[in-house]
PDB file of all heavy atoms in Angstrom:
ATOM      1  N   ILE A   1      32.612 -15.910 -31.642  1.00  0.00           N
ATOM      2  CA  ILE A   1      33.101 -14.788 -31.021  1.00  0.00           C
ATOM      3  C   ILE A   1      33.643 -15.290 -29.510  1.00  0.00           C
ATOM      4  O   ILE A   1      32.958 -16.060 -29.046  1.00  0.00           O
ATOM      5  CB  ILE A   1      32.207 -13.533 -30.936  1.00  0.00           C
ATOM      6  CG1 ILE A   1      32.974 -12.269 -30.397  1.00  0.00           C
ATOM      7  CG2 ILE A   1      30.997 -13.940 -30.068  1.00  0.00           C
ATOM      8  CD1 ILE A   1      32.111 -11.021 -30.510  1.00  0.00           C
ATOM      9  N   VAL A   2      34.670 -14.607 -29.059  1.00  0.00           N
ATOM     10  CA  VAL A   2      35.260 -14.962 -27.789  1.00  0.00           C
ATOM     11  C   VAL A   2      35.101 -13.766 -26.838  1.00  0.00           C
ATOM     12  O   VAL A   2      35.470 -12.583 -27.156  1.00  0.00           O
ATOM     13  CB  VAL A   2      36.723 -15.376 -27.875  1.00  0.00           C
ATOM     14  CG1 VAL A   2      37.309 -15.526 -26.474  1.00  0.00           C
ATOM     15  CG2 VAL A   2      36.754 -16.667 -28.630  1.00  0.00           C
ATOM     16  N   VAL A   3      34.590 -14.096 -25.607  1.00  0.00           N
ATOM     17  CA  VAL A   3      34.429 -13.011 -24.543  1.00  0.00           C
ATOM     18  C   VAL A   3      35.279 -13.539 -23.359  1.00  0.00           C
ATOM     19  O   VAL A   3      34.981 -14.758 -22.979  1.00  0.00           O
ATOM     20  CB  VAL A   3      33.061 -12.782 -24.172  1.00  0.00           C
ATOM     21  CG1 VAL A   3      33.018 -11.751 -23.001  1.00  0.00           C
ATOM     22  CG2 VAL A   3      32.283 -12.012 -25.416  1.00  0.00           C
ATOM     23  N   HIS A   4      36.121 -12.798 -22.783  1.00  0.00           N
ATOM     24  CA  HIS A   4      36.716 -13.100 -21.489  1.00  0.00           C
ATOM     25  C   HIS A   4      36.304 -12.341 -20.405  1.00  0.00           C
ATOM     26  O   HIS A   4      35.789 -11.114 -20.691  1.00  0.00           O
ATOM     27  CB  HIS A   4      38.238 -12.866 -21.647  1.00  0.00           C
ATOM     28  CG  HIS A   4      38.948 -13.611 -22.749  1.00  0.00           C
ATOM     29  ND1 HIS A   4      39.735 -14.693 -22.635  1.00  0.00           N
ATOM     30  CD2 HIS A   4      39.117 -13.295 -24.043  1.00  0.00           C
ATOM     31  CE1 HIS A   4      40.192 -15.136 -23.688  1.00  0.00           C
ATOM     32  NE2 HIS A   4      39.896 -14.256 -24.680  1.00  0.00           N
ATOM     33  N   ALA A   5      36.233 -12.865 -19.220  1.00  0.00           N
ATOM     34  CA  ALA A   5      35.726 -12.102 -18.024  1.00  0.00           C
ATOM     35  C   ALA A   5      36.528 -12.356 -16.801  1.00  0.00           C
ATOM     36  O   ALA A   5      36.896 -13.574 -16.569  1.00  0.00           O
ATOM     37  CB  ALA A   5      34.236 -12.455 -17.810  1.00  0.00           C
ATOM     38  N   LEU A   6      36.721 -11.241 -16.003  1.00  0.00           N
ATOM     39  CA  LEU A   6      37.324 -11.493 -14.769  1.00  0.00           C
ATOM     40  C   LEU A   6      36.394 -11.442 -13.634  1.00  0.00           C
ATOM     41  O   LEU A   6      35.529 -10.522 -13.376  1.00  0.00           O
ATOM     42  CB  LEU A   6      38.469 -10.221 -14.526  1.00  0.00           C
ATOM     43  CG  LEU A   6      39.211 -10.218 -13.168  1.00  0.00           C
ATOM     44  CD1 LEU A   6      40.046 -11.364 -13.058  1.00  0.00           C
ATOM     45  CD2 LEU A   6      39.871  -8.942 -13.133  1.00  0.00           C
ATOM     46  N   LEU A   7      36.303 -12.482 -12.854  1.00  0.00           N
ATOM     47  CA  LEU A   7      35.292 -12.638 -11.789  1.00  0.00           C
ATOM     48  C   LEU A   7      35.893 -12.317 -10.463  1.00  0.00           C
ATOM     49  O   LEU A   7      37.125 -12.726 -10.141  1.00  0.00           O
ATOM     50  CB  LEU A   7      34.766 -14.026 -11.801  1.00  0.00           C
ATOM     51  CG  LEU A   7      33.700 -14.400 -10.647  1.00  0.00           C
ATOM     52  CD1 LEU A   7      32.524 -15.260 -11.256  1.00  0.00           C
ATOM     53  CD2 LEU A   7      34.386 -15.193  -9.517  1.00  0.00           C
ATOM     54  N   ASP A   8      35.203 -11.619  -9.635  1.00  0.00           N
ATOM     55  CA  ASP A   8      35.794 -11.259  -8.364  1.00  0.00           C
ATOM     56  C   ASP A   8      34.611 -11.362  -7.244  1.00  0.00           C
ATOM     57  O   ASP A   8      33.418 -11.120  -7.557  1.00  0.00           O
ATOM     58  CB  ASP A   8      36.312  -9.809  -8.398  1.00  0.00           C
ATOM     59  CG  ASP A   8      37.180  -9.475  -7.120  1.00  0.00           C
ATOM     60  OD1 ASP A   8      37.617 -10.349  -6.433  1.00  0.00           O
ATOM     61  OD2 ASP A   8      37.563  -8.322  -6.921  1.00  0.00           O
ATOM     62  N   SER A   9      35.032 -11.740  -6.057  1.00  0.00           N
ATOM     63  CA  SER A   9      34.174 -11.891  -4.961  1.00  0.00           C
ATOM     64  C   SER A   9      34.905 -12.050  -3.639  1.00  0.00           C
ATOM     65  O   SER A   9      36.157 -12.074  -3.721  1.00  0.00           O
ATOM     66  CB  SER A   9      33.226 -13.134  -5.229  1.00  0.00           C
ATOM     67  OG  SER A   9      32.198 -13.283  -4.276  1.00  0.00           O
ATOM     68  N   LYS A  10      34.195 -11.837  -2.616  1.00  0.00           N
ATOM     69  CA  LYS A  10      34.842 -11.886  -1.307  1.00  0.00           C
ATOM     70  C   LYS A  10      35.580 -13.261  -1.109  1.00  0.00           C
ATOM     71  O   LYS A  10      36.767 -13.227  -0.530  1.00  0.00           O
ATOM     72  CB  LYS A  10      33.730 -11.769  -0.167  1.00  0.00           C
ATOM     73  CG  LYS A  10      34.393 -11.815   1.227  1.00  0.00           C
ATOM     74  CD  LYS A  10      33.269 -11.632   2.286  1.00  0.00           C
ATOM     75  CE  LYS A  10      33.792 -11.774   3.625  1.00  0.00           C
ATOM     76  NZ  LYS A  10      32.703 -11.670   4.683  1.00  0.00           N
ATOM     77  N   SER A  11      35.118 -14.367  -1.568  1.00  0.00           N
ATOM     78  CA  SER A  11      35.685 -15.520  -1.378  1.00  0.00           C
ATOM     79  C   SER A  11      36.539 -16.131  -2.440  1.00  0.00           C
ATOM     80  O   SER A  11      37.240 -17.160  -2.250  1.00  0.00           O
ATOM     81  CB  SER A  11      34.599 -16.566  -1.008  1.00  0.00           C
ATOM     82  OG  SER A  11      33.864 -16.182   0.067  1.00  0.00           O
ATOM     83  N   VAL A  12      36.478 -15.625  -3.653  1.00  0.00           N
ATOM     84  CA  VAL A  12      37.076 -16.262  -4.801  1.00  0.00           C
ATOM     85  C   VAL A  12      37.254 -15.281  -6.003  1.00  0.00           C
ATOM     86  O   VAL A  12      36.433 -14.328  -6.064  1.00  0.00           O
ATOM     87  CB  VAL A  12      36.206 -17.509  -5.288  1.00  0.00           C
ATOM     88  CG1 VAL A  12      34.815 -17.037  -5.692  1.00  0.00           C
ATOM     89  CG2 VAL A  12      36.834 -18.309  -6.365  1.00  0.00           C
ATOM     90  N   THR A  13      38.252 -15.591  -6.774  1.00  0.00           N
ATOM     91  CA  THR A  13      38.466 -14.811  -8.042  1.00  0.00           C
ATOM     92  C   THR A  13      38.357 -15.874  -9.174  1.00  0.00           C
ATOM     93  O   THR A  13      38.530 -17.159  -8.936  1.00  0.00           O
ATOM     94  CB  THR A  13      39.668 -14.063  -8.085  1.00  0.00           C
ATOM     95  OG1 THR A  13      40.852 -15.008  -8.167  1.00  0.00           O
ATOM     96  CG2 THR A  13      39.897 -13.176  -6.954  1.00  0.00           C
ATOM     97  N   GLY A  14      38.290 -15.423 -10.442  1.00  0.00           N
ATOM     98  CA  GLY A  14      38.162 -16.447 -11.484  1.00  0.00           C
ATOM     99  C   GLY A  14      38.467 -15.740 -12.867  1.00  0.00           C
ATOM    100  O   GLY A  14      38.148 -14.558 -12.992  1.00  0.00           O
ATOM    101  N   ALA A  15      38.958 -16.534 -13.773  1.00  0.00           N
ATOM    102  CA  ALA A  15      39.169 -16.098 -15.195  1.00  0.00           C
ATOM    103  C   ALA A  15      38.256 -16.974 -16.012  1.00  0.00           C
ATOM    104  O   ALA A  15      38.299 -18.245 -16.024  1.00  0.00           O
ATOM    105  CB  ALA A  15      40.591 -16.250 -15.553  1.00  0.00           C
ATOM    106  N   TYR A  16      37.484 -16.320 -16.848  1.00  0.00           N
ATOM    107  CA  TYR A  16      36.536 -17.016 -17.733  1.00  0.00           C
ATOM    108  C   TYR A  16      36.732 -16.666 -19.193  1.00  0.00           C
ATOM    109  O   TYR A  16      36.974 -15.592 -19.506  1.00  0.00           O
ATOM    110  CB  TYR A  16      35.061 -16.574 -17.334  1.00  0.00           C
ATOM    111  CG  TYR A  16      34.598 -17.326 -16.055  1.00  0.00           C
ATOM    112  CD1 TYR A  16      35.133 -16.901 -14.794  1.00  0.00           C
ATOM    113  CD2 TYR A  16      33.563 -18.237 -16.040  1.00  0.00           C
ATOM    114  CE1 TYR A  16      34.565 -17.433 -13.619  1.00  0.00           C
ATOM    115  CE2 TYR A  16      33.151 -18.864 -14.945  1.00  0.00           C
ATOM    116  CZ  TYR A  16      33.679 -18.413 -13.661  1.00  0.00           C
ATOM    117  OH  TYR A  16      33.274 -19.005 -12.562  1.00  0.00           O
ATOM    118  N   ARG A  17      36.659 -17.761 -20.040  1.00  0.00           N
ATOM    119  CA  ARG A  17      36.702 -17.603 -21.409  1.00  0.00           C
ATOM    120  C   ARG A  17      35.414 -18.297 -22.029  1.00  0.00           C
ATOM    121  O   ARG A  17      35.172 -19.438 -21.722  1.00  0.00           O
ATOM    122  CB  ARG A  17      38.010 -18.401 -21.974  1.00  0.00           C
ATOM    123  CG  ARG A  17      37.917 -18.151 -23.536  1.00  0.00           C
ATOM    124  CD  ARG A  17      39.161 -19.164 -24.083  1.00  0.00           C
ATOM    125  NE  ARG A  17      39.200 -19.037 -25.513  1.00  0.00           N
ATOM    126  CZ  ARG A  17      38.525 -19.529 -26.439  1.00  0.00           C
ATOM    127  NH1 ARG A  17      37.511 -20.392 -26.010  1.00  0.00           N
ATOM    128  NH2 ARG A  17      38.722 -19.367 -27.758  1.00  0.00           N
ATOM    129  N   PHE A  18      34.762 -17.433 -22.667  1.00  0.00           N
ATOM    130  CA  PHE A  18      33.431 -17.831 -23.302  1.00  0.00           C
ATOM    131  C   PHE A  18      33.671 -17.861 -24.820  1.00  0.00           C
ATOM    132  O   PHE A  18      33.784 -16.850 -25.462  1.00  0.00           O
ATOM    133  CB  PHE A  18      32.344 -16.948 -23.052  1.00  0.00           C
ATOM    134  CG  PHE A  18      31.962 -16.833 -21.567  1.00  0.00           C
ATOM    135  CD1 PHE A  18      32.543 -15.847 -20.823  1.00  0.00           C
ATOM    136  CD2 PHE A  18      31.145 -17.680 -20.945  1.00  0.00           C
ATOM    137  CE1 PHE A  18      32.366 -15.599 -19.429  1.00  0.00           C
ATOM    138  CE2 PHE A  18      30.891 -17.556 -19.574  1.00  0.00           C
ATOM    139  CZ  PHE A  18      31.445 -16.537 -18.801  1.00  0.00           C
ATOM    140  N   GLY A  19      33.754 -19.066 -25.479  1.00  0.00           N
ATOM    141  CA  GLY A  19      33.625 -19.220 -26.918  1.00  0.00           C
ATOM    142  C   GLY A  19      32.207 -19.432 -27.401  1.00  0.00           C
ATOM    143  O   GLY A  19      31.480 -20.332 -27.043  1.00  0.00           O
ATOM    144  N   ILE A  20      31.602 -18.335 -28.102  1.00  0.00           N
ATOM    145  CA  ILE A  20      30.299 -18.322 -28.293  1.00  0.00           C
ATOM    146  C   ILE A  20      29.960 -18.528 -29.718  1.00  0.00           C
ATOM    147  O   ILE A  20      30.393 -17.814 -30.628  1.00  0.00           O
ATOM    148  CB  ILE A  20      29.763 -16.813 -27.846  1.00  0.00           C
ATOM    149  CG1 ILE A  20      30.065 -16.568 -26.451  1.00  0.00           C
ATOM    150  CG2 ILE A  20      28.266 -16.674 -28.055  1.00  0.00           C
ATOM    151  CD1 ILE A  20      29.898 -15.217 -25.905  1.00  0.00           C
ATOM    152  N   TYR A  21      29.089 -19.425 -30.075  1.00  0.00           N
ATOM    153  CA  TYR A  21      28.591 -19.958 -31.357  1.00  0.00           C
ATOM    154  C   TYR A  21      27.042 -19.772 -31.507  1.00  0.00           C
ATOM    155  O   TYR A  21      26.332 -20.640 -31.119  1.00  0.00           O
ATOM    156  CB  TYR A  21      28.988 -21.448 -31.504  1.00  0.00           C
ATOM    157  CG  TYR A  21      30.441 -21.710 -31.307  1.00  0.00           C
ATOM    158  CD1 TYR A  21      30.984 -21.837 -30.011  1.00  0.00           C
ATOM    159  CD2 TYR A  21      31.450 -21.741 -32.427  1.00  0.00           C
ATOM    160  CE1 TYR A  21      32.368 -22.126 -29.844  1.00  0.00           C
ATOM    161  CE2 TYR A  21      32.748 -22.032 -32.129  1.00  0.00           C
ATOM    162  CZ  TYR A  21      33.249 -22.298 -30.885  1.00  0.00           C
ATOM    163  OH  TYR A  21      34.437 -22.469 -30.663  1.00  0.00           O
ATOM    164  N   PRO A  22      26.688 -18.675 -32.134  1.00  0.00           N
ATOM    165  CA  PRO A  22      25.242 -18.465 -32.386  1.00  0.00           C
ATOM    166  C   PRO A  22      24.674 -19.425 -33.376  1.00  0.00           C
ATOM    167  O   PRO A  22      25.356 -19.799 -34.273  1.00  0.00           O
ATOM    168  CB  PRO A  22      25.027 -17.067 -32.702  1.00  0.00           C
ATOM    169  CG  PRO A  22      26.465 -16.764 -33.467  1.00  0.00           C
ATOM    170  CD  PRO A  22      27.516 -17.502 -32.708  1.00  0.00           C
ATOM    171  N   GLY A  23      23.439 -19.801 -33.181  1.00  0.00           N
ATOM    172  CA  GLY A  23      22.884 -20.701 -34.166  1.00  0.00           C
ATOM    173  C   GLY A  23      21.637 -21.353 -33.722  1.00  0.00           C
ATOM    174  O   GLY A  23      20.853 -20.946 -32.900  1.00  0.00           O
ATOM    175  N   LYS A  24      21.349 -22.577 -34.259  1.00  0.00           N
ATOM    176  CA  LYS A  24      20.273 -23.352 -33.904  1.00  0.00           C
ATOM    177  C   LYS A  24      20.810 -24.765 -33.589  1.00  0.00           C
ATOM    178  O   LYS A  24      20.871 -25.669 -34.447  1.00  0.00           O
ATOM    179  CB  LYS A  24      19.296 -23.391 -35.143  1.00  0.00           C
ATOM    180  CG  LYS A  24      17.977 -24.092 -34.721  1.00  0.00           C
ATOM    181  CD  LYS A  24      17.069 -24.082 -35.996  1.00  0.00           C
ATOM    182  CE  LYS A  24      15.737 -24.729 -35.697  1.00  0.00           C
ATOM    183  NZ  LYS A  24      14.715 -24.911 -36.798  1.00  0.00           N
ATOM    184  N   PRO A  25      21.163 -25.059 -32.355  1.00  0.00           N
ATOM    185  CA  PRO A  25      21.126 -24.075 -31.232  1.00  0.00           C
ATOM    186  C   PRO A  25      22.452 -23.339 -30.982  1.00  0.00           C
ATOM    187  O   PRO A  25      23.482 -23.621 -31.668  1.00  0.00           O
ATOM    188  CB  PRO A  25      20.906 -25.004 -30.026  1.00  0.00           C
ATOM    189  CG  PRO A  25      21.612 -26.241 -30.423  1.00  0.00           C
ATOM    190  CD  PRO A  25      21.553 -26.435 -31.886  1.00  0.00           C
ATOM    191  N   THR A  26      22.317 -22.282 -30.139  1.00  0.00           N
ATOM    192  CA  THR A  26      23.510 -21.628 -29.714  1.00  0.00           C
ATOM    193  C   THR A  26      24.282 -22.428 -28.663  1.00  0.00           C
ATOM    194  O   THR A  26      23.702 -23.022 -27.803  1.00  0.00           O
ATOM    195  CB  THR A  26      23.118 -20.291 -29.158  1.00  0.00           C
ATOM    196  OG1 THR A  26      22.553 -19.432 -30.139  1.00  0.00           O
ATOM    197  CG2 THR A  26      24.244 -19.549 -28.483  1.00  0.00           C
ATOM    198  N   HIS A  27      25.555 -22.368 -28.882  1.00  0.00           N
ATOM    199  CA  HIS A  27      26.558 -23.015 -28.019  1.00  0.00           C
ATOM    200  C   HIS A  27      27.479 -22.049 -27.261  1.00  0.00           C
ATOM    201  O   HIS A  27      27.844 -21.154 -28.022  1.00  0.00           O
ATOM    202  CB  HIS A  27      27.470 -24.129 -28.799  1.00  0.00           C
ATOM    203  CG  HIS A  27      26.557 -25.206 -29.349  1.00  0.00           C
ATOM    204  ND1 HIS A  27      26.382 -26.421 -28.705  1.00  0.00           N
ATOM    205  CD2 HIS A  27      26.111 -25.334 -30.632  1.00  0.00           C
ATOM    206  CE1 HIS A  27      25.681 -27.159 -29.521  1.00  0.00           C
ATOM    207  NE2 HIS A  27      25.466 -26.574 -30.589  1.00  0.00           N
ATOM    208  N   ILE A  28      27.797 -22.274 -26.093  1.00  0.00           N
ATOM    209  CA  ILE A  28      28.896 -21.430 -25.402  1.00  0.00           C
ATOM    210  C   ILE A  28      29.831 -22.395 -24.858  1.00  0.00           C
ATOM    211  O   ILE A  28      29.506 -23.199 -23.864  1.00  0.00           O
ATOM    212  CB  ILE A  28      28.248 -20.538 -24.418  1.00  0.00           C
ATOM    213  CG1 ILE A  28      27.196 -19.537 -25.093  1.00  0.00           C
ATOM    214  CG2 ILE A  28      29.336 -19.688 -23.646  1.00  0.00           C
ATOM    215  CD1 ILE A  28      26.603 -18.584 -24.121  1.00  0.00           C
ATOM    216  N   SER A  29      31.134 -22.336 -25.208  1.00  0.00           N
ATOM    217  CA  SER A  29      32.104 -23.126 -24.664  1.00  0.00           C
ATOM    218  C   SER A  29      32.742 -22.302 -23.435  1.00  0.00           C
ATOM    219  O   SER A  29      33.335 -21.293 -23.730  1.00  0.00           O
ATOM    220  CB  SER A  29      33.144 -23.542 -25.715  1.00  0.00           C
ATOM    221  OG  SER A  29      34.284 -24.141 -25.052  1.00  0.00           O
ATOM    222  N   VAL A  30      32.705 -22.928 -22.300  1.00  0.00           N
ATOM    223  CA  VAL A  30      33.193 -22.110 -21.063  1.00  0.00           C
ATOM    224  C   VAL A  30      34.550 -22.719 -20.531  1.00  0.00           C
ATOM    225  O   VAL A  30      34.486 -23.994 -20.391  1.00  0.00           O
ATOM    226  CB  VAL A  30      32.133 -21.996 -19.959  1.00  0.00           C
ATOM    227  CG1 VAL A  30      32.586 -21.167 -18.848  1.00  0.00           C
ATOM    228  CG2 VAL A  30      30.835 -21.404 -20.661  1.00  0.00           C
ATOM    229  N   LYS A  31      35.439 -21.998 -20.250  1.00  0.00           N
ATOM    230  CA  LYS A  31      36.613 -22.417 -19.447  1.00  0.00           C
ATOM    231  C   LYS A  31      36.698 -21.416 -18.225  1.00  0.00           C
ATOM    232  O   LYS A  31      36.860 -20.241 -18.390  1.00  0.00           O
ATOM    233  CB  LYS A  31      37.873 -22.417 -20.261  1.00  0.00           C
ATOM    234  CG  LYS A  31      39.147 -22.741 -19.418  1.00  0.00           C
ATOM    235  CD  LYS A  31      40.396 -22.634 -20.319  1.00  0.00           C
ATOM    236  CE  LYS A  31      41.584 -23.070 -19.423  1.00  0.00           C
ATOM    237  NZ  LYS A  31      42.948 -22.782 -20.191  1.00  0.00           N
ATOM    238  N   ALA A  32      36.534 -22.047 -16.955  1.00  0.00           N
ATOM    239  CA  ALA A  32      36.653 -21.240 -15.804  1.00  0.00           C
ATOM    240  C   ALA A  32      37.752 -21.680 -14.966  1.00  0.00           C
ATOM    241  O   ALA A  32      37.977 -22.897 -14.611  1.00  0.00           O
ATOM    242  CB  ALA A  32      35.382 -21.471 -14.948  1.00  0.00           C
ATOM    243  N   THR A  33      38.664 -20.702 -14.643  1.00  0.00           N
ATOM    244  CA  THR A  33      39.867 -20.926 -13.755  1.00  0.00           C
ATOM    245  C   THR A  33      39.585 -20.238 -12.504  1.00  0.00           C
ATOM    246  O   THR A  33      39.548 -18.974 -12.515  1.00  0.00           O
ATOM    247  CB  THR A  33      41.177 -20.623 -14.452  1.00  0.00           C
ATOM    248  OG1 THR A  33      41.244 -21.275 -15.786  1.00  0.00           O
ATOM    249  CG2 THR A  33      42.376 -21.037 -13.621  1.00  0.00           C
ATOM    250  N   LEU A  34      39.481 -20.990 -11.436  1.00  0.00           N
ATOM    251  CA  LEU A  34      39.094 -20.343 -10.118  1.00  0.00           C
ATOM    252  C   LEU A  34      40.215 -20.331  -9.120  1.00  0.00           C
ATOM    253  O   LEU A  34      41.055 -21.364  -9.023  1.00  0.00           O
ATOM    254  CB  LEU A  34      37.909 -21.069  -9.500  1.00  0.00           C
ATOM    255  CG  LEU A  34      36.697 -21.216 -10.480  1.00  0.00           C
ATOM    256  CD1 LEU A  34      35.625 -22.087  -9.786  1.00  0.00           C
ATOM    257  CD2 LEU A  34      36.146 -19.819 -10.764  1.00  0.00           C
ATOM    258  N   PHE A  35      40.356 -19.203  -8.306  1.00  0.00           N
ATOM    259  CA  PHE A  35      41.224 -19.102  -7.244  1.00  0.00           C
ATOM    260  C   PHE A  35      40.685 -18.752  -5.963  1.00  0.00           C
ATOM    261  O   PHE A  35      40.366 -17.528  -5.762  1.00  0.00           O
ATOM    262  CB  PHE A  35      42.357 -18.010  -7.647  1.00  0.00           C
ATOM    263  CG  PHE A  35      43.064 -18.291  -8.920  1.00  0.00           C
ATOM    264  CD1 PHE A  35      42.723 -17.818 -10.242  1.00  0.00           C
ATOM    265  CD2 PHE A  35      44.242 -19.000  -8.949  1.00  0.00           C
ATOM    266  CE1 PHE A  35      43.246 -18.084 -11.333  1.00  0.00           C
ATOM    267  CE2 PHE A  35      44.894 -19.323 -10.187  1.00  0.00           C
ATOM    268  CZ  PHE A  35      44.412 -18.859 -11.333  1.00  0.00           C
ATOM    269  N   PRO A  36      40.336 -19.619  -5.136  1.00  0.00           N
ATOM    270  CA  PRO A  36      39.677 -19.310  -3.909  1.00  0.00           C
ATOM    271  C   PRO A  36      40.524 -18.523  -2.876  1.00  0.00           C
ATOM    272  O   PRO A  36      41.723 -18.744  -2.659  1.00  0.00           O
ATOM    273  CB  PRO A  36      39.351 -20.689  -3.237  1.00  0.00           C
ATOM    274  CG  PRO A  36      39.469 -21.714  -4.441  1.00  0.00           C
ATOM    275  CD  PRO A  36      40.517 -21.103  -5.273  1.00  0.00           C
ATOM    276  N   ARG A  37      39.896 -17.506  -2.308  1.00  0.00           N
ATOM    277  CA  ARG A  37      40.537 -16.716  -1.205  1.00  0.00           C
ATOM    278  C   ARG A  37      40.459 -17.492   0.077  1.00  0.00           C
ATOM    279  O   ARG A  37      41.239 -17.249   0.951  1.00  0.00           O
ATOM    280  CB  ARG A  37      39.972 -15.361  -1.051  1.00  0.00           C
ATOM    281  CG  ARG A  37      40.217 -14.372  -2.309  1.00  0.00           C
ATOM    282  CD  ARG A  37      39.765 -12.981  -1.913  1.00  0.00           C
ATOM    283  NE  ARG A  37      40.301 -11.930  -2.843  1.00  0.00           N
ATOM    284  CZ  ARG A  37      39.666 -11.274  -3.867  1.00  0.00           C
ATOM    285  NH1 ARG A  37      38.435 -11.751  -4.109  1.00  0.00           N
ATOM    286  NH2 ARG A  37      40.289 -10.481  -4.459  1.00  0.00           N
ATOM    287  N   VAL A  38      39.365 -18.193   0.219  1.00  0.00           N
ATOM    288  CA  VAL A  38      39.138 -19.019   1.471  1.00  0.00           C
ATOM    289  C   VAL A  38      38.609 -20.382   1.041  1.00  0.00           C
ATOM    290  O   VAL A  38      38.434 -20.685  -0.176  1.00  0.00           O
ATOM    291  CB  VAL A  38      37.989 -18.338   2.295  1.00  0.00           C
ATOM    292  CG1 VAL A  38      38.491 -16.903   2.723  1.00  0.00           C
ATOM    293  CG2 VAL A  38      36.794 -18.232   1.653  1.00  0.00           C
TER     294      VAL A  38
END
């Protein structure tokens, strides 16, 4: 399953994509694209 998330903070924003694979073990593939404000 895929979950996307919008990150926000005083200093930075970001777009996250989590490719989630449950199992033994569970894997999460993460792609983070960051845009610093400062």
